Protein backbone atom coordinates (compact mmCIF):
# COMPACT_ATOMS: atom_id res chain seq x y z
CA MET A 1 109.56 108.34 50.18
CA LYS A 2 112.78 107.84 52.79
CA ILE A 3 112.10 110.83 54.68
CA SER A 4 108.44 110.40 54.92
CA ILE A 5 109.46 106.93 56.75
CA LEU A 6 111.63 108.98 58.80
CA SER A 7 109.97 111.34 59.98
CA GLY A 8 106.94 108.74 61.03
CA LEU A 9 109.75 106.94 62.47
CA VAL A 10 110.85 110.10 64.62
CA ILE A 11 107.14 110.76 64.93
CA ALA A 12 106.21 107.31 66.54
CA LEU A 13 109.00 107.21 68.91
CA ALA A 14 107.80 110.67 69.82
CA LEU A 15 105.02 109.78 70.98
CA MET A 16 105.51 106.75 72.50
CA ASN A 17 108.19 108.23 74.79
CA HIS A 18 105.88 110.95 76.01
CA SER A 19 103.16 108.09 76.89
CA GLY A 20 105.81 107.02 79.09
CA VAL A 21 106.78 109.97 80.68
CA ALA A 22 102.90 110.40 81.77
CA ALA A 23 103.06 106.57 82.42
CA GLU A 24 105.37 107.15 85.45
CA GLN A 25 103.96 111.09 87.02
CA SER A 26 100.69 109.30 87.62
CA PRO A 27 101.13 106.78 91.02
CA VAL A 28 98.75 103.37 90.67
CA ALA A 29 96.96 102.32 93.73
CA GLY A 30 98.50 99.24 95.44
CA PHE A 31 97.89 97.25 97.96
CA THR A 32 100.19 94.02 99.23
CA VAL A 33 100.52 92.67 102.00
CA THR A 34 102.78 89.13 103.21
CA PRO A 35 102.39 86.53 104.41
CA LYS A 36 98.89 84.99 102.30
CA GLN A 37 98.76 82.42 105.10
CA CYS A 38 100.19 81.33 108.08
CA THR A 39 100.34 77.92 109.54
CA THR A 40 100.17 76.11 112.59
CA LEU A 41 101.14 72.26 113.17
CA LYS A 42 97.40 71.57 115.84
CA GLN A 43 94.74 73.31 114.65
CA GLY A 44 93.49 75.55 117.42
CA ASP A 45 97.34 76.77 118.42
CA ILE A 46 98.05 79.95 118.40
CA CYS A 47 100.02 80.90 114.99
CA TYR A 48 102.32 84.22 114.58
CA LEU A 49 103.88 85.87 112.12
CA ASN A 50 105.88 89.20 111.14
CA LEU A 51 103.34 91.32 108.75
CA GLN A 52 104.21 93.31 106.12
CA LEU A 53 102.66 95.36 103.66
CA SER A 54 102.71 98.55 101.45
CA TRP A 55 100.47 100.44 99.66
CA GLN A 56 100.07 103.78 97.47
CA GLN A 57 96.82 105.70 97.03
CA ALA A 58 96.11 108.00 93.65
CA THR A 59 95.51 110.86 96.31
CA LEU A 60 97.60 112.85 98.58
CA GLN A 61 95.20 111.94 101.65
CA ASN A 62 94.37 110.44 105.24
CA TYR A 63 94.31 107.08 106.06
CA CYS A 64 94.07 104.10 108.50
CA LEU A 65 94.59 100.37 108.69
CA PHE A 66 92.78 97.92 109.92
CA ALA A 67 93.07 94.43 111.13
CA ASN A 68 89.58 93.14 111.96
CA ALA A 69 87.45 95.91 113.45
CA GLN A 70 90.86 97.01 115.23
CA LYS A 71 92.35 100.26 114.04
CA LEU A 72 96.35 99.33 114.57
CA HIS A 73 97.63 102.79 112.25
CA CYS A 74 96.91 105.87 110.41
CA TRP A 75 98.99 108.16 107.33
CA HIS A 76 98.29 112.07 107.72
CA SER A 77 97.92 113.84 104.03
CA VAL A 78 100.50 110.81 102.32
CA GLN A 79 100.14 108.77 99.19
CA GLN A 80 101.90 105.90 100.46
CA GLY A 81 103.04 103.96 103.05
CA GLN A 82 104.56 100.89 104.37
CA TRP A 83 103.79 98.96 108.26
CA GLN A 84 105.43 95.97 109.79
CA GLN A 85 104.31 94.42 113.08
CA ASP A 86 104.59 90.92 114.69
CA PHE A 87 100.94 89.85 115.72
CA ALA A 88 99.76 85.95 116.63
CA MET A 89 96.15 84.60 115.17
CA GLN A 90 93.61 81.99 115.50
CA GLN A 91 91.53 82.25 112.91
CA ASP A 92 91.64 84.80 109.71
CA LEU A 93 92.76 88.23 109.91
CA VAL A 94 90.96 90.72 107.38
CA ILE A 95 93.62 93.61 106.93
CA THR A 96 91.58 97.08 105.62
CA LEU A 97 93.01 100.28 104.26
CA GLN A 98 90.54 102.39 104.91
CA THR A 99 89.65 106.43 104.65
CA SER A 100 89.18 108.69 107.37
CA GLU A 101 85.81 108.54 106.48
CA ARG A 102 85.58 104.96 106.81
CA GLN A 103 85.29 103.95 102.63
CA VAL A 104 87.83 100.47 102.62
CA LEU A 105 89.92 100.87 100.00
CA HIS A 106 91.57 97.57 99.80
CA SER A 107 91.15 94.04 101.60
CA GLN A 108 93.58 91.18 102.36
CA THR A 109 92.22 88.49 103.75
CA ILE A 110 95.24 86.51 105.80
CA ARG A 111 94.50 82.52 105.99
CA TYR A 112 94.63 80.84 109.21
CA ALA A 113 95.63 77.15 108.30
CA TRP A 114 96.66 74.09 109.99
CA MET A 115 98.16 70.49 109.76
CA TYR A 116 96.65 68.56 111.55
CA LYS A 117 92.35 68.54 113.11
CA LYS A 118 92.46 69.20 116.34
CA ASN A 119 91.42 66.05 118.74
CA ASN A 120 88.17 66.29 120.29
CA SER A 121 87.64 63.10 121.41
CA LYS A 122 88.79 61.94 125.46
CA ALA A 123 91.48 59.28 125.70
CA MET A 124 89.90 56.06 126.41
CA ARG A 125 90.52 54.82 130.14
CA TRP A 126 91.10 51.39 130.78
CA ARG A 127 89.40 49.82 133.91
CA MET A 128 89.33 46.90 135.68
CA PHE A 129 86.02 46.83 137.05
């Protein structure tokens, strides 16, 4: 009885170890963008940020990074990449990772936010006559 319990434990440990190795060998697709939001003092002000991102895909391929419709950077025959750049924005910014065939793999929106609304009313002027 002791031998069957011990052999069961050995088999269970071997299976756990084998599945752990397989999980480490297969890369998981991922896409991380920071920051997620850019905040200004007043609505309409330019918001400055340092955009940083990293990504990983399961297949070796050509990938390109876009901000809205503008191409920012491309990687050739890779599975992962990192990128960093300073940005100035006045509206939401959509960052996408695409294949060379323009298939969108990942997308992240960086929100444009403000503390105080823009004052559209003109200042009231005092006149004597």
